[in-house]
Amino acid sequence: HVKFFNIKSTYLLYENQSHLKSHHPSDTFSFALFLSTFISSYKAILCTLRNLRENPDPAADKLNALIAGSIAGLSLAIERNRPRRLAIMLYLVARSGQFGCAWLMKRWAEHRRQRRRELANEMRERLEAQGFQEGERRQLVIKKGWDDKLAKFLVEWAGTGVMMLASAQIIYAFLFEGDTLPKSYFGFLLVHSGWKGDFGSLAAPLAFSIRQTVNKLSRSGASIRIPKGVSSREYIARHVSPNIATVIPPKLRHEFVLCALQHPLYDSCTRSKVNLLFREFARALKLYLPLNGIMTVAFRWNQITSQPEKVLLRFLQSTFRSALFLTCYVTFGMATPCVVRPAINREGHLIYVLAGVVAGVMVLVEAPGRRLELGLYCLPRALESFWRCMVKWGYARNVPHGDVLLFSAAMGVLMTLYQNEPDTIGPHYLSVMTRFFGRN
C-alpha cells in the first residue's frame, strides 16, 4: 500500500504542474546532470573521508556520511528549473524530517527498554534478598510509564497531526494568501471546493472576495448578518462586488454575509453541504478510479490473472476509501465556518484555520498506514506557503540559494541515516536509495 501511495502522491504532485508542461531537453539534461553529480560526488567524498580519517569507529562514519551528503547536496544548484528544484528540496526536507524523527523514536525506545531492564534487575535483586514464601508466585510486572504511553500516542497520531497542521496552512493560504500557493495547486483547490465548476472564471475572484470581506468585517466589527428585507444579491453588489453578485440567484437571502459568498447558490448551509458531498464524491471517484486502475494493472498484473476477485475487491475498497476521505476532507472543511460563524457571531481568520484543522482530521477515514503518507504529501506545499507568508508579512527574509542550503542539510541527515541507520528509513525509500547508491 505504501508503494502504491507514493506513486499516487508523485502523480498528484506533478499532475497539471506548469513546470512539467514546459519540459525542454535542456531541463532534462540539467536534472540528469544534477542527479548524476549528486550520486558520484557523494560516493567519492565518502570514500575519500574514510581513507583520510581511517577511523573504524561507527560514529566516525556517521560524520563521514553527514559531510559527504551535505557537500553532495550542493549539486542541486545545477538544476536550473526553479519550480522543480523547489519541489525536490521540499519533498526531501519532509522525508529527512520523517526519517530523522523515526531515528529519534528508535533511540527513545532503546532508552526505555534499557530503563525497564535496569528496573527489572533491581526488583529481582530486592525480591531475592527478601526471599519468597512457599507457594508464592514469582513474577515481575513492570507497568508502562508515561513516556511509553506518550510514545504510543505519537506513533498512532503523528500522521493525523501532520495532516491537521498542513491542512490548516493550506486552507488558510487558499482563502487569504492565494499567491503563496503554486497556481496549479490553487486551481486544484478551486476545482475541489466546487467553485470552479459552478462559477468558472469567477471562482478565483470569489475566493479573493471572501478574503476582503473577512478582513473588512473582522477589523470594523460590523454585523456579519445580511439585513432583513435585503436579498443576498443586492447586499453583495452594494458592499462587496457587483460582478460576484451576479452568481447569486436574485431572490435568495442568506443569513450571513460570508455564507452568501461561500455557497452563493443555496441559502441553507445544510443543503449546500449535502450537495457538495455528493458532487465531491463524484469528482473524487473520477480522480481515483483511473489512478488506482493504472497502479493495479502496473503492479498487480500477476495477481489479476491468478486472483482476479481478490484484486478487484481490493481495488474497489481502496478507491472507495480514498474517494470518501477526499469527500469528507472538502465537505467538513467547508462546513466548519458555517457551524462556527453563528456560534461566535463574528468573522476572523482563525475560523478558517480551524476549518483546515477539521479537514485534516478526516485523514482518519484512510487506512492507518496511509495517514502519515498523506500528511507528508501535503506538508511540502504547506511549508512553502508558510515561508512565503512569513516573508510577505515581514517576519522572515529570503536567503540567496536557501533552497540549495536546505537541500544540503536534508541530504546530510538522510545520507547519514541511510549509511548507518537504514532501518529508520521506510522500506520503499530504502529500496530506491539502495538502487541509486548501493551499499557503501
Protein backbone atom coordinates (compact mmCIF):
# COMPACT_ATOMS: atom_id res chain seq x y z
CA HIS A 1 0.00 0.00 0.00
CA VAL A 2 2.85 2.39 0.80
CA LYS A 3 4.43 1.80 -2.60
CA PHE A 4 1.09 2.42 -4.32
CA PHE A 5 0.51 5.61 -2.36
CA ASN A 6 3.95 7.03 -3.04
CA ILE A 7 3.44 6.58 -6.76
CA LYS A 8 -0.01 8.15 -6.47
CA SER A 9 1.44 11.01 -4.46
CA THR A 10 4.04 11.62 -7.13
CA TYR A 11 1.34 11.60 -9.79
CA LEU A 12 -0.83 14.06 -7.86
CA LEU A 13 2.15 16.25 -7.02
CA TYR A 14 3.09 16.74 -10.64
CA GLU A 15 -0.33 16.48 -12.28
CA ASN A 16 -1.01 19.59 -14.37
CA GLN A 17 2.08 21.30 -12.98
CA SER A 18 3.14 24.16 -15.21
CA HIS A 19 6.81 23.27 -14.94
CA LEU A 20 6.10 19.85 -16.44
CA LYS A 21 4.14 21.37 -19.29
CA SER A 22 7.19 23.41 -20.21
CA HIS A 23 9.60 20.47 -20.37
CA HIS A 24 12.56 21.12 -22.61
CA PRO A 25 15.58 18.95 -23.48
CA SER A 26 17.82 21.35 -21.53
CA ASP A 27 15.63 20.81 -18.44
CA THR A 28 16.04 17.06 -18.78
CA PHE A 29 19.78 17.46 -19.19
CA SER A 30 20.13 19.71 -16.12
CA PHE A 31 18.12 17.28 -13.97
CA ALA A 32 20.17 14.30 -15.17
CA LEU A 33 23.39 16.23 -14.54
CA PHE A 34 22.25 17.17 -11.03
CA LEU A 35 21.31 13.60 -10.14
CA SER A 36 24.49 12.03 -11.53
CA THR A 37 26.65 14.71 -9.88
CA PHE A 38 24.98 14.16 -6.52
CA ILE A 39 25.41 10.38 -6.58
CA SER A 40 29.00 10.37 -7.84
CA SER A 41 30.17 13.21 -5.59
CA TYR A 42 28.58 11.62 -2.51
CA LYS A 43 30.33 8.30 -3.07
CA ALA A 44 33.63 9.98 -3.95
CA ILE A 45 33.61 12.24 -0.87
CA LEU A 46 32.55 9.38 1.43
CA CYS A 47 35.38 7.12 0.22
CA THR A 48 37.89 9.98 0.43
CA LEU A 49 36.94 10.80 4.03
CA ARG A 50 37.14 7.16 5.03
CA ASN A 51 40.64 6.86 3.58
CA LEU A 52 41.86 10.12 5.11
CA ARG A 53 40.43 9.61 8.58
CA GLU A 54 40.99 5.82 8.83
CA ASN A 55 38.80 5.60 11.91
CA PRO A 56 36.98 2.27 12.41
CA ASP A 57 34.60 3.80 14.95
CA PRO A 58 31.00 3.68 13.59
CA ALA A 59 30.42 7.17 14.98
CA ALA A 60 33.20 8.44 12.73
CA ASP A 61 31.47 7.02 9.67
CA LYS A 62 28.31 8.90 10.64
CA LEU A 63 30.30 12.10 10.38
CA ASN A 64 31.73 10.94 7.04
CA ALA A 65 28.23 10.38 5.65
CA LEU A 66 26.95 13.68 7.08
CA ILE A 67 29.76 15.66 5.43
CA ALA A 68 29.53 13.74 2.14
CA GLY A 69 25.74 14.09 1.93
CA SER A 70 25.82 17.80 2.79
CA ILE A 71 28.51 18.64 0.23
CA ALA A 72 26.90 16.48 -2.46
CA GLY A 73 23.59 18.23 -1.75
CA LEU A 74 25.04 21.48 -3.08
CA SER A 75 24.77 19.91 -6.55
CA LEU A 76 21.09 20.94 -6.55
CA ALA A 77 22.37 24.31 -7.81
CA ILE A 78 22.95 22.57 -11.17
CA GLU A 79 19.18 22.13 -11.59
CA ARG A 80 18.07 25.23 -13.48
CA ASN A 81 14.32 24.60 -13.34
CA ARG A 82 13.46 26.57 -10.21
CA PRO A 83 9.96 25.16 -9.55
CA ARG A 84 11.29 21.61 -9.89
CA ARG A 85 14.29 22.45 -7.70
CA LEU A 86 11.96 23.80 -5.04
CA ALA A 87 9.72 20.72 -5.27
CA ILE A 88 12.71 18.38 -4.91
CA MET A 89 14.03 20.32 -1.92
CA LEU A 90 10.68 20.45 -0.10
CA TYR A 91 9.97 16.78 -0.69
CA LEU A 92 13.35 15.62 0.63
CA VAL A 93 13.30 18.05 3.56
CA ALA A 94 9.97 16.49 4.58
CA ARG A 95 11.34 12.96 4.15
CA SER A 96 14.57 13.66 6.02
CA GLY A 97 12.44 15.07 8.83
CA GLN A 98 10.29 11.93 8.81
CA PHE A 99 13.23 9.54 8.96
CA GLY A 100 15.07 11.75 11.44
CA CYS A 101 12.06 11.54 13.76
CA ALA A 102 11.99 7.76 13.22
CA TRP A 103 15.62 7.64 14.39
CA LEU A 104 14.80 9.72 17.47
CA MET A 105 11.87 7.42 18.27
CA LYS A 106 14.16 4.40 17.87
CA ARG A 107 16.73 5.83 20.28
CA TRP A 108 13.99 6.77 22.73
CA ALA A 109 12.61 3.21 22.57
CA GLU A 110 16.09 1.79 23.25
CA HIS A 111 16.43 4.10 26.26
CA ARG A 112 13.05 2.99 27.63
CA ARG A 113 13.91 -0.70 27.17
CA GLN A 114 17.22 -0.19 28.96
CA ARG A 115 15.46 1.58 31.81
CA ARG A 116 12.94 -1.29 32.11
CA ARG A 117 15.75 -3.87 32.18
CA GLU A 118 17.54 -1.97 34.93
CA LEU A 119 14.31 -1.66 36.91
CA ALA A 120 13.59 -5.37 36.47
CA ASN A 121 17.07 -6.29 37.70
CA GLU A 122 16.67 -4.05 40.75
CA MET A 123 13.30 -5.62 41.57
CA ARG A 124 14.71 -9.13 41.09
CA GLU A 125 17.63 -8.47 43.43
CA ARG A 126 15.34 -6.94 46.04
CA LEU A 127 12.89 -9.84 45.90
CA GLU A 128 15.67 -12.43 46.07
CA ALA A 129 17.08 -10.66 49.11
CA GLN A 130 13.66 -10.68 50.79
CA GLY A 131 13.01 -14.31 49.88
CA PHE A 132 9.76 -15.99 48.84
CA GLN A 133 7.13 -17.73 50.85
CA GLU A 134 6.24 -21.26 49.89
CA GLY A 135 3.75 -21.34 47.00
CA GLU A 136 4.13 -17.62 46.26
CA ARG A 137 4.09 -16.67 42.56
CA ARG A 138 7.40 -15.41 41.23
CA GLN A 139 6.52 -12.86 38.56
CA LEU A 140 7.89 -9.40 37.86
CA VAL A 141 5.38 -6.91 36.47
CA ILE A 142 6.65 -3.53 35.28
CA LYS A 143 3.89 -1.14 34.37
CA LYS A 144 4.26 1.15 31.39
CA GLY A 145 5.35 4.65 32.28
CA TRP A 146 4.10 7.96 30.96
CA ASP A 147 6.87 8.01 28.37
CA ASP A 148 5.75 4.64 26.96
CA LYS A 149 2.20 5.94 26.66
CA LEU A 150 3.42 9.15 25.04
CA ALA A 151 5.50 7.20 22.51
CA LYS A 152 2.49 5.05 21.61
CA PHE A 153 0.34 8.16 21.21
CA LEU A 154 2.91 9.83 18.94
CA VAL A 155 3.22 6.76 16.72
CA GLU A 156 -0.55 6.37 16.38
CA TRP A 157 -1.41 10.04 15.87
CA ALA A 158 1.63 11.51 14.11
CA GLY A 159 0.04 11.17 10.66
CA THR A 160 -3.17 12.84 11.78
CA GLY A 161 -1.24 15.65 13.48
CA VAL A 162 0.89 16.35 10.42
CA MET A 163 -2.20 16.36 8.21
CA MET A 164 -4.03 18.76 10.54
CA LEU A 165 -1.14 21.25 10.62
CA ALA A 166 -0.52 21.06 6.88
CA SER A 167 -4.22 21.44 6.07
CA ALA A 168 -4.60 24.41 8.41
CA GLN A 169 -1.91 26.28 6.48
CA ILE A 170 -3.14 25.19 3.05
CA ILE A 171 -6.80 26.13 3.63
CA TYR A 172 -5.80 29.43 5.23
CA ALA A 173 -3.50 30.24 2.30
CA PHE A 174 -6.15 29.19 -0.21
CA LEU A 175 -8.59 31.79 1.13
CA PHE A 176 -6.32 34.59 2.36
CA GLU A 177 -2.88 34.24 0.78
CA GLY A 178 -3.54 32.56 -2.55
CA ASP A 179 -0.37 33.97 -4.09
CA THR A 180 1.72 31.85 -1.69
CA LEU A 181 0.45 28.67 -3.36
CA PRO A 182 1.52 27.48 -6.83
CA LYS A 183 -1.08 28.46 -9.44
CA SER A 184 -1.77 24.86 -10.42
CA TYR A 185 -2.30 23.85 -6.78
CA PHE A 186 -4.56 26.85 -6.20
CA GLY A 187 -6.55 25.78 -9.27
CA PHE A 188 -6.78 22.23 -7.91
CA LEU A 189 -8.30 23.60 -4.69
CA LEU A 190 -10.77 25.75 -6.64
CA VAL A 191 -11.97 22.66 -8.51
CA HIS A 192 -12.49 20.57 -5.38
CA SER A 193 -14.16 23.39 -3.49
CA GLY A 194 -16.86 23.22 -6.17
CA TRP A 195 -16.43 26.88 -7.11
CA LYS A 196 -14.66 26.24 -10.41
CA GLY A 197 -17.45 24.02 -11.68
CA ASP A 198 -20.21 26.38 -10.54
CA PHE A 199 -18.72 29.77 -11.33
CA GLY A 200 -15.98 29.19 -13.90
CA SER A 201 -13.74 32.24 -14.34
CA LEU A 202 -15.31 33.92 -11.29
CA ALA A 203 -14.07 31.18 -8.93
CA ALA A 204 -10.75 32.89 -8.16
CA PRO A 205 -12.34 36.36 -7.72
CA LEU A 206 -14.86 34.73 -5.38
CA ALA A 207 -12.03 33.43 -3.16
CA PHE A 208 -10.47 36.91 -3.23
CA SER A 209 -13.82 38.46 -2.23
CA ILE A 210 -14.02 36.14 0.77
CA ARG A 211 -10.59 37.34 1.86
CA GLN A 212 -11.51 41.02 1.50
CA THR A 213 -14.85 40.61 3.25
CA VAL A 214 -13.45 38.67 6.21
CA ASN A 215 -10.70 41.27 6.66
CA LYS A 216 -13.22 44.12 6.45
CA LEU A 217 -15.73 42.60 8.88
CA SER A 218 -13.11 41.46 11.41
CA ARG A 219 -11.44 44.89 11.51
CA SER A 220 -14.55 47.07 11.51
CA GLY A 221 -16.60 44.97 13.90
CA ALA A 222 -19.65 45.45 11.64
CA SER A 223 -22.53 43.00 11.63
CA ILE A 224 -21.80 39.74 9.83
CA ARG A 225 -25.50 39.27 9.01
CA ILE A 226 -27.38 40.43 5.93
CA PRO A 227 -30.13 42.91 6.96
CA LYS A 228 -33.71 41.70 6.78
CA GLY A 229 -35.58 42.69 3.65
CA VAL A 230 -32.37 42.78 1.58
CA SER A 231 -31.53 39.96 -0.81
CA SER A 232 -28.05 38.48 -0.82
CA ARG A 233 -27.53 39.64 -4.38
CA GLU A 234 -28.37 43.24 -3.52
CA TYR A 235 -26.15 43.26 -0.43
CA ILE A 236 -23.13 41.70 -2.15
CA ALA A 237 -23.47 44.03 -5.15
CA ARG A 238 -23.57 47.05 -2.86
CA HIS A 239 -20.91 46.09 -0.29
CA VAL A 240 -18.61 43.51 -1.92
CA SER A 241 -18.59 43.28 -5.73
CA PRO A 242 -21.23 43.71 -8.46
CA ASN A 243 -19.52 41.00 -10.53
CA ILE A 244 -19.59 38.45 -7.70
CA ALA A 245 -23.23 39.34 -7.03
CA THR A 246 -24.18 38.03 -10.48
CA VAL A 247 -23.58 34.42 -9.38
CA ILE A 248 -26.24 34.68 -6.63
CA PRO A 249 -29.87 33.93 -7.63
CA PRO A 250 -31.94 37.17 -7.45
CA LYS A 251 -34.43 36.33 -4.68
CA LEU A 252 -32.12 34.31 -2.45
CA ARG A 253 -31.35 35.63 1.04
CA HIS A 254 -28.59 34.16 3.20
CA GLU A 255 -28.48 34.91 6.89
CA PHE A 256 -24.74 35.66 6.91
CA VAL A 257 -22.63 37.71 4.51
CA LEU A 258 -19.91 35.07 4.22
CA CYS A 259 -22.46 32.32 3.63
CA ALA A 260 -23.61 34.29 0.57
CA LEU A 261 -20.04 34.13 -0.74
CA GLN A 262 -19.14 30.63 0.39
CA HIS A 263 -22.25 28.92 -1.02
CA PRO A 264 -24.00 31.51 -3.25
CA LEU A 265 -26.44 29.06 -4.85
CA TYR A 266 -28.01 27.88 -1.58
CA ASP A 267 -29.35 29.95 1.30
CA SER A 268 -29.24 26.84 3.51
CA CYS A 269 -25.82 25.77 4.79
CA THR A 270 -27.05 22.19 5.23
CA ARG A 271 -28.40 21.89 1.69
CA SER A 272 -25.21 23.33 0.24
CA LYS A 273 -23.02 20.83 2.12
CA VAL A 274 -25.19 17.85 1.17
CA ASN A 275 -24.95 18.93 -2.46
CA LEU A 276 -21.19 19.44 -2.09
CA LEU A 277 -20.78 15.99 -0.54
CA PHE A 278 -22.36 14.14 -3.48
CA ARG A 279 -20.64 16.24 -6.13
CA GLU A 280 -17.23 15.99 -4.47
CA PHE A 281 -17.58 12.22 -4.15
CA ALA A 282 -18.17 12.05 -7.90
CA ARG A 283 -15.10 14.24 -8.52
CA ALA A 284 -13.02 12.11 -6.15
CA LEU A 285 -14.07 8.91 -7.91
CA LYS A 286 -13.17 10.49 -11.23
CA LEU A 287 -9.71 11.20 -9.80
CA TYR A 288 -9.03 7.89 -8.06
CA LEU A 289 -10.64 5.33 -10.40
CA PRO A 290 -8.19 5.73 -13.30
CA LEU A 291 -5.26 6.34 -10.95
CA ASN A 292 -5.85 3.21 -8.87
CA GLY A 293 -6.66 1.27 -12.03
CA ILE A 294 -3.30 2.12 -13.59
CA MET A 295 -1.45 1.25 -10.39
CA THR A 296 -3.29 -2.07 -10.06
CA VAL A 297 -2.54 -3.11 -13.64
CA ALA A 298 1.08 -2.00 -13.37
CA PHE A 299 1.92 -3.68 -10.06
CA ARG A 300 -0.60 -6.50 -9.60
CA TRP A 301 -0.78 -7.97 -13.08
CA ASN A 302 0.22 -11.46 -11.91
CA GLN A 303 -2.40 -11.37 -9.18
CA ILE A 304 -5.02 -10.13 -11.65
CA THR A 305 -4.60 -13.31 -13.69
CA SER A 306 -4.41 -15.65 -10.68
CA GLN A 307 -6.74 -13.96 -8.15
CA PRO A 308 -8.97 -11.54 -10.09
CA GLU A 309 -11.75 -11.41 -7.47
CA LYS A 310 -9.35 -10.54 -4.65
CA VAL A 311 -7.59 -7.84 -6.69
CA LEU A 312 -10.91 -6.34 -7.82
CA LEU A 313 -12.22 -6.23 -4.25
CA ARG A 314 -9.04 -4.56 -3.00
CA PHE A 315 -9.16 -2.07 -5.89
CA LEU A 316 -12.77 -1.14 -5.13
CA GLN A 317 -12.13 -0.84 -1.38
CA SER A 318 -9.06 1.34 -1.88
CA THR A 319 -10.80 3.57 -4.41
CA PHE A 320 -13.92 3.98 -2.28
CA ARG A 321 -11.92 4.73 0.86
CA SER A 322 -9.70 7.31 -0.85
CA ALA A 323 -12.69 8.97 -2.52
CA LEU A 324 -14.54 9.05 0.81
CA PHE A 325 -11.53 10.65 2.51
CA LEU A 326 -11.26 13.44 -0.07
CA THR A 327 -15.03 13.98 0.08
CA CYS A 328 -15.04 14.28 3.87
CA TYR A 329 -11.95 16.49 3.74
CA VAL A 330 -13.65 19.01 1.46
CA THR A 331 -17.15 18.81 2.95
CA PHE A 332 -16.21 19.10 6.62
CA GLY A 333 -13.62 21.76 5.86
CA MET A 334 -16.21 23.87 4.05
CA ALA A 335 -18.87 23.19 6.70
CA THR A 336 -16.76 24.31 9.67
CA PRO A 337 -17.13 28.10 9.08
CA CYS A 338 -20.89 27.68 8.68
CA VAL A 339 -21.04 25.95 12.08
CA VAL A 340 -18.66 28.28 13.95
CA ARG A 341 -19.93 31.56 12.46
CA PRO A 342 -23.40 31.59 14.13
CA ALA A 343 -21.92 30.24 17.37
CA ILE A 344 -19.47 33.12 17.90
CA ASN A 345 -21.32 35.74 15.79
CA ARG A 346 -18.14 37.19 14.33
CA GLU A 347 -15.66 36.72 11.49
CA GLY A 348 -11.94 36.09 11.77
CA HIS A 349 -9.03 34.28 10.18
CA LEU A 350 -8.89 31.68 12.94
CA ILE A 351 -12.25 30.29 11.81
CA TYR A 352 -10.67 29.25 8.54
CA VAL A 353 -7.54 27.90 10.24
CA LEU A 354 -9.92 25.75 12.28
CA ALA A 355 -11.58 24.66 9.03
CA GLY A 356 -8.21 23.34 7.86
CA VAL A 357 -7.65 21.52 11.15
CA VAL A 358 -11.08 19.85 10.92
CA ALA A 359 -10.43 18.91 7.29
CA GLY A 360 -7.12 17.35 8.33
CA VAL A 361 -8.83 15.19 10.95
CA MET A 362 -10.70 13.49 8.10
CA VAL A 363 -7.49 11.59 7.31
CA LEU A 364 -8.80 9.15 9.94
CA VAL A 365 -11.06 7.81 7.19
CA GLU A 366 -7.95 6.45 5.48
CA ALA A 367 -6.08 3.30 6.49
CA PRO A 368 -3.67 3.90 9.43
CA GLY A 369 -0.64 3.10 7.28
CA ARG A 370 -1.51 5.82 4.79
CA ARG A 371 -2.28 8.71 7.12
CA LEU A 372 1.30 9.83 7.60
CA GLU A 373 1.95 9.49 3.86
CA LEU A 374 -1.00 11.77 3.12
CA GLY A 375 0.22 14.28 5.69
CA LEU A 376 3.72 14.23 4.21
CA TYR A 377 2.26 14.70 0.73
CA CYS A 378 0.57 17.93 1.88
CA LEU A 379 3.41 19.09 4.13
CA PRO A 380 5.81 20.41 1.42
CA ARG A 381 3.10 22.68 -0.02
CA ALA A 382 2.20 23.87 3.47
CA LEU A 383 5.85 24.61 4.31
CA GLU A 384 6.33 26.52 1.07
CA SER A 385 3.19 28.58 1.65
CA PHE A 386 4.03 29.22 5.31
CA TRP A 387 7.50 30.51 4.44
CA ARG A 388 6.13 32.79 1.74
CA CYS A 389 3.58 34.14 4.21
CA MET A 390 6.35 34.87 6.72
CA VAL A 391 8.34 36.72 4.05
CA LYS A 392 5.25 38.60 2.87
CA TRP A 393 4.37 39.71 6.41
CA GLY A 394 7.94 40.81 7.11
CA TYR A 395 8.76 38.13 9.69
CA ALA A 396 11.41 36.44 7.53
CA ARG A 397 13.70 37.14 4.62
CA ASN A 398 14.63 35.00 1.65
CA VAL A 399 18.22 33.78 1.76
CA PRO A 400 20.11 33.58 -1.55
CA HIS A 401 20.29 29.93 -2.62
CA GLY A 402 18.37 29.00 0.51
CA ASP A 403 16.74 26.06 -1.27
CA VAL A 404 20.18 24.62 -2.05
CA LEU A 405 21.32 25.07 1.56
CA LEU A 406 18.19 23.39 2.93
CA PHE A 407 18.57 20.54 0.47
CA SER A 408 22.21 20.18 1.50
CA ALA A 409 21.26 19.91 5.18
CA ALA A 410 18.44 17.47 4.42
CA MET A 411 20.71 15.22 2.37
CA GLY A 412 23.35 15.30 5.10
CA VAL A 413 20.79 13.91 7.54
CA LEU A 414 19.26 11.49 5.04
CA MET A 415 22.58 10.00 3.88
CA THR A 416 23.78 9.65 7.48
CA LEU A 417 20.69 7.60 8.27
CA TYR A 418 20.97 5.60 5.06
CA GLN A 419 24.61 4.76 5.75
CA ASN A 420 24.31 3.98 9.46
CA GLU A 421 20.65 3.55 10.47
CA PRO A 422 18.91 2.10 7.38
CA ASP A 423 16.14 0.52 9.47
CA THR A 424 14.79 4.03 10.21
CA ILE A 425 14.07 4.61 6.50
CA GLY A 426 10.83 3.28 5.02
CA PRO A 427 11.23 0.05 3.00
CA HIS A 428 10.15 1.62 -0.29
CA TYR A 429 12.50 4.58 0.04
CA LEU A 430 15.34 2.35 1.24
CA SER A 431 14.88 0.17 -1.85
CA VAL A 432 15.05 3.21 -4.15
CA MET A 433 18.10 4.64 -2.38
CA THR A 434 19.89 1.29 -2.47
CA ARG A 435 19.27 1.11 -6.20
CA PHE A 436 20.90 4.52 -6.68
CA PHE A 437 23.68 4.44 -4.07
CA GLY A 438 24.32 0.76 -3.44
CA ARG A 439 25.62 -0.47 -0.10
CA ASN A 440 28.76 1.51 0.69
